[in-house]
Amino acid sequence: MKKFSILMVLCLFVSIHFASAQSTLPMADGTMVREIAPKDFKSYEGKLLVVPAFKARGTKKWLTKQFDKNYTKPFHVADVSEVPSGLGDDNYPIDTYKYMIFIQSSKSFSGNTEYSFQLVDRSTNTVYYHPSSGNMIKKYLKKLMK
């Protein structure tokens, strides 16, 4: 019983640590829209900024591989610390990177990683989200390009 209690405390500590390690989407006077993307996103030819809220070894490489396979347009995977305001003209100018996909992850009770996606129009400060956007990046990108 003592080993079980220690294991439970350790699991609680790890889950709290991982929950606090993610960044949140910085929003100041933003608009939330319950859609997966704006109507003109499919014809957008500029670069897409991809920002994972989590830091794990191999994240950039893994996301780059997923987007190479499932997204045919130009994109750049940035570290969340490189985009401190998320919406401003910091390292990634809005005229080059009008849209940004913000990706958050969490562990389900069963231990599976679950993702949530928000598409941000940085020029209008509008966040597009949809509860059924899909847990997998491949499915999300397919829905995004429909």
N, C-alpha and C. Protein backbone atom coordinates (compact mmCIF):
# COMPACT_ATOMS: atom_id res chain seq x y z
N MET A 1 0.83 -1.20 0.00
CA MET A 1 0.00 0.00 0.00
C MET A 1 0.87 1.26 0.00
N LYS A 2 2.00 1.17 0.70
CA LYS A 2 2.90 2.32 0.78
C LYS A 2 3.48 2.63 -0.61
N LYS A 3 3.84 1.59 -1.37
CA LYS A 3 4.38 1.79 -2.71
C LYS A 3 3.33 2.43 -3.63
N PHE A 4 2.09 1.99 -3.49
CA PHE A 4 1.01 2.53 -4.29
C PHE A 4 0.81 4.02 -3.98
N SER A 5 0.86 4.40 -2.73
CA SER A 5 0.70 5.80 -2.33
C SER A 5 1.82 6.66 -2.88
N ILE A 6 3.03 6.16 -2.81
CA ILE A 6 4.17 6.91 -3.35
C ILE A 6 4.03 7.06 -4.86
N LEU A 7 3.60 6.01 -5.53
CA LEU A 7 3.40 6.06 -6.97
C LEU A 7 2.31 7.08 -7.34
N MET A 8 1.24 7.12 -6.59
CA MET A 8 0.16 8.08 -6.85
C MET A 8 0.65 9.51 -6.66
N VAL A 9 1.40 9.78 -5.63
CA VAL A 9 1.95 11.12 -5.39
C VAL A 9 2.89 11.52 -6.52
N LEU A 10 3.72 10.58 -6.95
CA LEU A 10 4.64 10.85 -8.04
C LEU A 10 3.88 11.15 -9.34
N CYS A 11 2.85 10.38 -9.64
CA CYS A 11 2.04 10.62 -10.84
C CYS A 11 1.35 11.98 -10.78
N LEU A 12 0.86 12.35 -9.64
CA LEU A 12 0.22 13.65 -9.47
C LEU A 12 1.22 14.78 -9.71
N PHE A 13 2.41 14.64 -9.16
CA PHE A 13 3.45 15.64 -9.35
C PHE A 13 3.80 15.79 -10.83
N VAL A 14 3.99 14.67 -11.53
CA VAL A 14 4.34 14.71 -12.95
C VAL A 14 3.23 15.35 -13.77
N SER A 15 1.98 15.01 -13.49
CA SER A 15 0.88 15.58 -14.27
C SER A 15 0.75 17.08 -14.02
N ILE A 16 0.97 17.53 -12.80
CA ILE A 16 0.91 18.97 -12.52
C ILE A 16 2.06 19.67 -13.22
N HIS A 17 3.24 19.06 -13.20
CA HIS A 17 4.40 19.65 -13.86
C HIS A 17 4.17 19.80 -15.36
N PHE A 18 3.67 18.76 -16.03
CA PHE A 18 3.43 18.84 -17.46
C PHE A 18 2.30 19.80 -17.79
N ALA A 19 1.29 19.88 -16.96
CA ALA A 19 0.18 20.80 -17.21
C ALA A 19 0.65 22.24 -17.14
N SER A 20 1.57 22.53 -16.24
CA SER A 20 2.04 23.91 -16.09
C SER A 20 3.14 24.25 -17.08
N ALA A 21 3.71 23.27 -17.77
CA ALA A 21 4.82 23.51 -18.69
C ALA A 21 4.36 24.05 -20.03
N GLN A 22 3.08 23.94 -20.37
CA GLN A 22 2.60 24.42 -21.64
C GLN A 22 2.28 25.90 -21.58
N SER A 23 2.47 26.53 -22.69
CA SER A 23 2.09 27.93 -22.81
C SER A 23 0.65 28.01 -23.25
N THR A 24 0.08 29.16 -23.06
CA THR A 24 -1.27 29.39 -23.54
C THR A 24 -1.21 30.39 -24.68
N LEU A 25 -2.25 30.42 -25.45
CA LEU A 25 -2.32 31.34 -26.58
C LEU A 25 -2.48 32.76 -26.07
N PRO A 26 -1.54 33.65 -26.36
CA PRO A 26 -1.65 35.02 -25.88
C PRO A 26 -2.72 35.77 -26.66
N MET A 27 -3.75 36.20 -25.99
CA MET A 27 -4.85 36.90 -26.65
C MET A 27 -5.14 38.20 -25.91
N ALA A 28 -5.10 39.26 -26.64
CA ALA A 28 -5.48 40.56 -26.10
C ALA A 28 -6.55 41.11 -27.02
N ASP A 29 -7.76 41.24 -26.53
CA ASP A 29 -8.88 41.75 -27.32
C ASP A 29 -9.09 40.95 -28.60
N GLY A 30 -8.96 39.64 -28.50
CA GLY A 30 -9.15 38.78 -29.65
C GLY A 30 -10.58 38.31 -29.79
N THR A 31 -10.88 37.80 -30.96
CA THR A 31 -12.20 37.27 -31.26
C THR A 31 -12.09 35.77 -31.44
N MET A 32 -12.99 35.03 -30.82
CA MET A 32 -13.03 33.58 -30.96
C MET A 32 -14.16 33.23 -31.93
N VAL A 33 -13.86 32.41 -32.93
CA VAL A 33 -14.85 32.01 -33.92
C VAL A 33 -14.92 30.49 -33.91
N ARG A 34 -16.12 29.97 -33.79
CA ARG A 34 -16.32 28.52 -33.71
C ARG A 34 -16.41 27.90 -35.11
N GLU A 35 -15.31 28.02 -35.84
CA GLU A 35 -15.15 27.43 -37.16
C GLU A 35 -13.74 26.91 -37.24
N ILE A 36 -13.49 26.00 -38.15
CA ILE A 36 -12.13 25.45 -38.26
C ILE A 36 -11.18 26.43 -38.94
N ALA A 37 -11.69 27.25 -39.88
CA ALA A 37 -10.86 28.22 -40.58
C ALA A 37 -11.74 29.22 -41.31
N PRO A 38 -11.19 30.37 -41.69
CA PRO A 38 -11.97 31.30 -42.52
C PRO A 38 -12.15 30.73 -43.92
N LYS A 39 -13.13 31.22 -44.63
CA LYS A 39 -13.45 30.68 -45.96
C LYS A 39 -12.29 30.83 -46.95
N ASP A 40 -11.49 31.89 -46.83
CA ASP A 40 -10.42 32.13 -47.79
C ASP A 40 -9.10 31.45 -47.41
N PHE A 41 -9.07 30.67 -46.35
CA PHE A 41 -7.81 30.05 -45.93
C PHE A 41 -7.27 29.07 -46.97
N LYS A 42 -8.15 28.36 -47.63
CA LYS A 42 -7.72 27.36 -48.61
C LYS A 42 -6.90 28.01 -49.74
N SER A 43 -7.22 29.24 -50.07
CA SER A 43 -6.50 29.93 -51.15
C SER A 43 -5.31 30.74 -50.64
N TYR A 44 -5.05 30.74 -49.36
CA TYR A 44 -3.92 31.48 -48.78
C TYR A 44 -2.61 30.88 -49.25
N GLU A 45 -1.74 31.70 -49.81
CA GLU A 45 -0.47 31.22 -50.37
C GLU A 45 0.74 31.62 -49.53
N GLY A 46 0.56 32.39 -48.48
CA GLY A 46 1.68 32.80 -47.64
C GLY A 46 2.16 31.67 -46.74
N LYS A 47 3.17 31.96 -45.93
CA LYS A 47 3.70 30.96 -45.01
C LYS A 47 2.81 30.82 -43.79
N LEU A 48 2.68 29.60 -43.34
CA LEU A 48 1.91 29.29 -42.14
C LEU A 48 2.90 29.12 -40.99
N LEU A 49 2.64 29.79 -39.89
CA LEU A 49 3.47 29.67 -38.71
C LEU A 49 2.86 28.61 -37.80
N VAL A 50 3.63 27.60 -37.46
CA VAL A 50 3.17 26.49 -36.62
C VAL A 50 3.87 26.61 -35.27
N VAL A 51 3.08 26.74 -34.19
CA VAL A 51 3.65 26.96 -32.86
C VAL A 51 3.10 25.93 -31.88
N PRO A 52 3.92 24.95 -31.51
CA PRO A 52 3.48 24.02 -30.47
C PRO A 52 3.66 24.66 -29.09
N ALA A 53 2.68 24.48 -28.23
CA ALA A 53 2.74 25.07 -26.89
C ALA A 53 3.58 24.23 -25.94
N PHE A 54 4.02 23.09 -26.39
CA PHE A 54 4.76 22.17 -25.54
C PHE A 54 6.19 22.04 -26.04
N LYS A 55 7.07 21.77 -25.09
CA LYS A 55 8.48 21.57 -25.43
C LYS A 55 8.84 20.14 -25.07
N ALA A 56 9.12 19.37 -26.06
CA ALA A 56 9.58 18.00 -25.85
C ALA A 56 10.65 17.73 -26.89
N ARG A 57 11.55 16.87 -26.56
CA ARG A 57 12.63 16.55 -27.49
C ARG A 57 12.03 15.98 -28.78
N GLY A 58 12.44 16.53 -29.90
CA GLY A 58 11.99 16.04 -31.19
C GLY A 58 10.69 16.64 -31.69
N THR A 59 10.11 17.59 -30.96
CA THR A 59 8.82 18.17 -31.36
C THR A 59 8.90 18.85 -32.72
N LYS A 60 9.89 19.71 -32.91
CA LYS A 60 10.01 20.42 -34.19
C LYS A 60 10.20 19.45 -35.35
N LYS A 61 11.04 18.46 -35.15
CA LYS A 61 11.31 17.49 -36.21
C LYS A 61 10.04 16.69 -36.55
N TRP A 62 9.33 16.26 -35.51
CA TRP A 62 8.11 15.49 -35.71
C TRP A 62 7.04 16.32 -36.41
N LEU A 63 6.83 17.58 -35.97
CA LEU A 63 5.82 18.43 -36.60
C LEU A 63 6.20 18.75 -38.05
N THR A 64 7.47 19.00 -38.29
CA THR A 64 7.92 19.28 -39.66
C THR A 64 7.61 18.09 -40.56
N LYS A 65 7.85 16.90 -40.07
CA LYS A 65 7.57 15.69 -40.85
C LYS A 65 6.07 15.56 -41.12
N GLN A 66 5.24 15.83 -40.11
CA GLN A 66 3.78 15.74 -40.28
C GLN A 66 3.27 16.76 -41.29
N PHE A 67 3.77 18.00 -41.21
CA PHE A 67 3.32 19.04 -42.14
C PHE A 67 3.86 18.79 -43.54
N ASP A 68 5.09 18.29 -43.67
CA ASP A 68 5.62 17.94 -44.99
C ASP A 68 4.72 16.92 -45.69
N LYS A 69 4.24 15.95 -44.94
CA LYS A 69 3.39 14.89 -45.51
C LYS A 69 1.98 15.38 -45.83
N ASN A 70 1.42 16.26 -44.98
CA ASN A 70 -0.01 16.54 -45.02
C ASN A 70 -0.40 17.98 -45.36
N TYR A 71 0.58 18.85 -45.59
CA TYR A 71 0.28 20.25 -45.91
C TYR A 71 1.17 20.65 -47.08
N THR A 72 0.58 21.06 -48.18
CA THR A 72 1.33 21.28 -49.42
C THR A 72 1.87 22.69 -49.58
N LYS A 73 1.58 23.57 -48.66
CA LYS A 73 1.99 24.97 -48.78
C LYS A 73 3.17 25.26 -47.85
N PRO A 74 3.81 26.44 -48.01
CA PRO A 74 4.96 26.76 -47.14
C PRO A 74 4.54 26.96 -45.68
N PHE A 75 5.40 26.50 -44.77
CA PHE A 75 5.15 26.65 -43.34
C PHE A 75 6.48 26.73 -42.61
N HIS A 76 6.42 27.15 -41.37
CA HIS A 76 7.60 27.18 -40.51
C HIS A 76 7.18 26.77 -39.10
N VAL A 77 7.90 25.83 -38.51
CA VAL A 77 7.63 25.41 -37.14
C VAL A 77 8.54 26.22 -36.23
N ALA A 78 7.93 26.99 -35.34
CA ALA A 78 8.67 27.85 -34.41
C ALA A 78 8.50 27.36 -32.99
N ASP A 79 9.48 27.62 -32.18
CA ASP A 79 9.38 27.33 -30.76
C ASP A 79 8.48 28.39 -30.12
N VAL A 80 7.71 28.01 -29.13
CA VAL A 80 6.79 28.96 -28.50
C VAL A 80 7.53 30.15 -27.90
N SER A 81 8.78 29.97 -27.49
CA SER A 81 9.55 31.08 -26.92
C SER A 81 9.99 32.08 -27.99
N GLU A 82 9.97 31.67 -29.27
CA GLU A 82 10.33 32.56 -30.37
C GLU A 82 9.19 33.50 -30.75
N VAL A 83 7.99 33.19 -30.29
CA VAL A 83 6.81 33.99 -30.62
C VAL A 83 6.18 34.45 -29.31
N PRO A 84 6.85 35.36 -28.60
CA PRO A 84 6.39 35.71 -27.25
C PRO A 84 5.00 36.33 -27.20
N SER A 85 4.67 37.18 -28.18
CA SER A 85 3.34 37.78 -28.14
C SER A 85 2.34 36.95 -28.92
N GLY A 86 2.83 36.13 -29.83
CA GLY A 86 1.95 35.30 -30.62
C GLY A 86 1.29 36.04 -31.76
N LEU A 87 0.98 37.28 -31.56
CA LEU A 87 0.22 38.01 -32.55
C LEU A 87 0.98 39.18 -33.15
N GLY A 88 2.00 39.65 -32.47
CA GLY A 88 2.70 40.85 -32.91
C GLY A 88 3.76 40.60 -33.95
N ASP A 89 4.44 41.65 -34.31
CA ASP A 89 5.46 41.63 -35.35
C ASP A 89 6.83 41.24 -34.80
N ASP A 90 6.91 40.39 -33.81
CA ASP A 90 8.18 40.05 -33.19
C ASP A 90 9.15 39.44 -34.19
N ASN A 91 9.46 38.18 -34.14
CA ASN A 91 10.39 37.53 -35.07
C ASN A 91 9.74 37.13 -36.38
N TYR A 92 8.43 37.08 -36.41
CA TYR A 92 7.69 36.60 -37.57
C TYR A 92 6.68 37.65 -38.00
N PRO A 93 7.00 38.45 -39.03
CA PRO A 93 6.11 39.54 -39.44
C PRO A 93 4.75 39.03 -39.93
N ILE A 94 3.72 39.78 -39.62
CA ILE A 94 2.35 39.40 -39.97
C ILE A 94 2.15 39.36 -41.48
N ASP A 95 2.81 40.24 -42.22
CA ASP A 95 2.62 40.21 -43.67
C ASP A 95 3.20 38.94 -44.30
N THR A 96 4.16 38.28 -43.65
CA THR A 96 4.70 37.01 -44.14
C THR A 96 3.95 35.83 -43.54
N TYR A 97 3.64 35.92 -42.27
CA TYR A 97 2.97 34.84 -41.53
C TYR A 97 1.61 35.35 -41.03
N LYS A 98 0.65 35.47 -41.93
CA LYS A 98 -0.67 35.97 -41.54
C LYS A 98 -1.37 34.98 -40.60
N TYR A 99 -1.24 33.70 -40.89
CA TYR A 99 -1.92 32.68 -40.09
C TYR A 99 -0.92 31.88 -39.24
N MET A 100 -1.38 31.49 -38.07
CA MET A 100 -0.58 30.70 -37.16
C MET A 100 -1.45 29.57 -36.61
N ILE A 101 -0.90 28.36 -36.58
CA ILE A 101 -1.59 27.25 -35.92
C ILE A 101 -0.92 27.06 -34.56
N PHE A 102 -1.73 27.16 -33.53
CA PHE A 102 -1.25 26.98 -32.16
C PHE A 102 -1.71 25.59 -31.71
N ILE A 103 -0.76 24.75 -31.30
CA ILE A 103 -1.06 23.36 -30.96
C ILE A 103 -0.78 23.12 -29.49
N GLN A 104 -1.77 22.61 -28.78
CA GLN A 104 -1.60 22.24 -27.38
C GLN A 104 -1.76 20.74 -27.26
N SER A 105 -1.10 20.17 -26.26
CA SER A 105 -1.23 18.74 -26.04
C SER A 105 -1.54 18.47 -24.57
N SER A 106 -2.16 17.34 -24.34
CA SER A 106 -2.44 16.91 -22.97
C SER A 106 -2.49 15.39 -22.97
N LYS A 107 -2.33 14.83 -21.81
CA LYS A 107 -2.42 13.38 -21.66
C LYS A 107 -3.82 13.03 -21.18
N SER A 108 -4.41 12.05 -21.82
CA SER A 108 -5.72 11.58 -21.37
C SER A 108 -5.51 10.67 -20.17
N PHE A 109 -6.60 10.31 -19.54
CA PHE A 109 -6.53 9.43 -18.37
C PHE A 109 -5.91 8.08 -18.74
N SER A 110 -6.11 7.66 -19.99
CA SER A 110 -5.56 6.39 -20.43
C SER A 110 -4.08 6.49 -20.82
N GLY A 111 -3.54 7.71 -20.82
CA GLY A 111 -2.13 7.91 -21.13
C GLY A 111 -1.85 8.31 -22.56
N ASN A 112 -2.88 8.42 -23.38
CA ASN A 112 -2.69 8.84 -24.77
C ASN A 112 -2.51 10.35 -24.84
N THR A 113 -1.74 10.80 -25.81
CA THR A 113 -1.56 12.24 -26.02
C THR A 113 -2.70 12.75 -26.89
N GLU A 114 -3.33 13.82 -26.44
CA GLU A 114 -4.42 14.44 -27.19
C GLU A 114 -4.00 15.85 -27.56
N TYR A 115 -4.35 16.27 -28.77
CA TYR A 115 -3.97 17.59 -29.26
C TYR A 115 -5.20 18.45 -29.48
N SER A 116 -5.02 19.74 -29.31
CA SER A 116 -6.06 20.70 -29.70
C SER A 116 -5.39 21.75 -30.58
N PHE A 117 -6.14 22.23 -31.56
CA PHE A 117 -5.59 23.12 -32.56
C PHE A 117 -6.41 24.40 -32.64
N GLN A 118 -5.72 25.52 -32.75
CA GLN A 118 -6.38 26.80 -33.00
C GLN A 118 -5.65 27.47 -34.16
N LEU A 119 -6.41 27.92 -35.13
CA LEU A 119 -5.86 28.68 -36.24
C LEU A 119 -6.07 30.15 -35.92
N VAL A 120 -5.00 30.92 -35.94
CA VAL A 120 -5.07 32.34 -35.56
C VAL A 120 -4.80 33.19 -36.79
N ASP A 121 -5.73 34.10 -37.09
CA ASP A 121 -5.49 35.12 -38.10
C ASP A 121 -4.82 36.27 -37.36
N ARG A 122 -3.52 36.40 -37.52
CA ARG A 122 -2.75 37.37 -36.76
C ARG A 122 -3.06 38.80 -37.19
N SER A 123 -3.56 39.00 -38.42
CA SER A 123 -3.85 40.35 -38.90
C SER A 123 -5.13 40.91 -38.28
N THR A 124 -6.05 40.05 -37.91
CA THR A 124 -7.32 40.51 -37.32
C THR A 124 -7.48 40.08 -35.87
N ASN A 125 -6.49 39.32 -35.36
CA ASN A 125 -6.54 38.83 -33.97
C ASN A 125 -7.77 37.95 -33.75
N THR A 126 -8.01 37.06 -34.71
CA THR A 126 -9.16 36.15 -34.66
C THR A 126 -8.67 34.72 -34.51
N VAL A 127 -9.26 33.99 -33.56
CA VAL A 127 -8.89 32.60 -33.33
C VAL A 127 -10.03 31.71 -33.81
N TYR A 128 -9.69 30.79 -34.70
CA TYR A 128 -10.66 29.84 -35.23
C TYR A 128 -10.43 28.50 -34.53
N TYR A 129 -11.48 28.00 -33.96
CA TYR A 129 -11.39 26.71 -33.28
C TYR A 129 -12.66 25.94 -33.55
N HIS A 130 -12.56 24.66 -33.46
CA HIS A 130 -13.74 23.82 -33.66
C HIS A 130 -13.56 22.60 -32.78
N PRO A 131 -14.56 22.26 -31.98
CA PRO A 131 -14.40 21.14 -31.05
C PRO A 131 -14.15 19.81 -31.74
N SER A 132 -14.56 19.68 -32.98
CA SER A 132 -14.34 18.40 -33.67
C SER A 132 -13.23 18.54 -34.71
N SER A 133 -12.24 19.38 -34.41
CA SER A 133 -11.17 19.60 -35.38
C SER A 133 -10.27 18.39 -35.52
N GLY A 134 -10.38 17.45 -34.63
CA GLY A 134 -9.60 16.22 -34.74
C GLY A 134 -8.45 16.19 -33.77
N ASN A 135 -8.17 15.02 -33.26
CA ASN A 135 -7.10 14.85 -32.30
C ASN A 135 -5.76 14.66 -33.00
N MET A 136 -5.79 14.20 -34.24
CA MET A 136 -4.56 13.91 -34.96
C MET A 136 -4.25 15.04 -35.94
N ILE A 137 -2.99 15.35 -36.09
CA ILE A 137 -2.58 16.45 -36.96
C ILE A 137 -3.00 16.18 -38.40
N LYS A 138 -2.86 14.96 -38.86
CA LYS A 138 -3.22 14.61 -40.23
C LYS A 138 -4.70 14.91 -40.50
N LYS A 139 -5.57 14.48 -39.58
CA LYS A 139 -7.00 14.72 -39.75
C LYS A 139 -7.32 16.21 -39.71
N TYR A 140 -6.66 16.93 -38.80
CA TYR A 140 -6.89 18.37 -38.69
C TYR A 140 -6.50 19.08 -39.99
N LEU A 141 -5.35 18.77 -40.54
CA LEU A 141 -4.90 19.41 -41.76
C LEU A 141 -5.80 19.09 -42.95
N LYS A 142 -6.33 17.87 -43.01
CA LYS A 142 -7.28 17.52 -44.07
C LYS A 142 -8.55 18.37 -43.95
N LYS A 143 -9.06 18.52 -42.74
CA LYS A 143 -10.27 19.34 -42.54
C LYS A 143 -9.97 20.80 -42.85
N LEU A 144 -8.78 21.24 -42.51
CA LEU A 144 -8.40 22.63 -42.74
C LEU A 144 -8.34 22.97 -44.22
N MET A 145 -7.93 22.03 -45.04
CA MET A 145 -7.77 22.28 -46.46
C MET A 145 -9.01 21.98 -47.29
N LYS A 146 -10.11 21.55 -46.67
CA LYS A 146 -11.36 21.27 -47.41
C LYS A 146 -11.97 22.54 -47.92
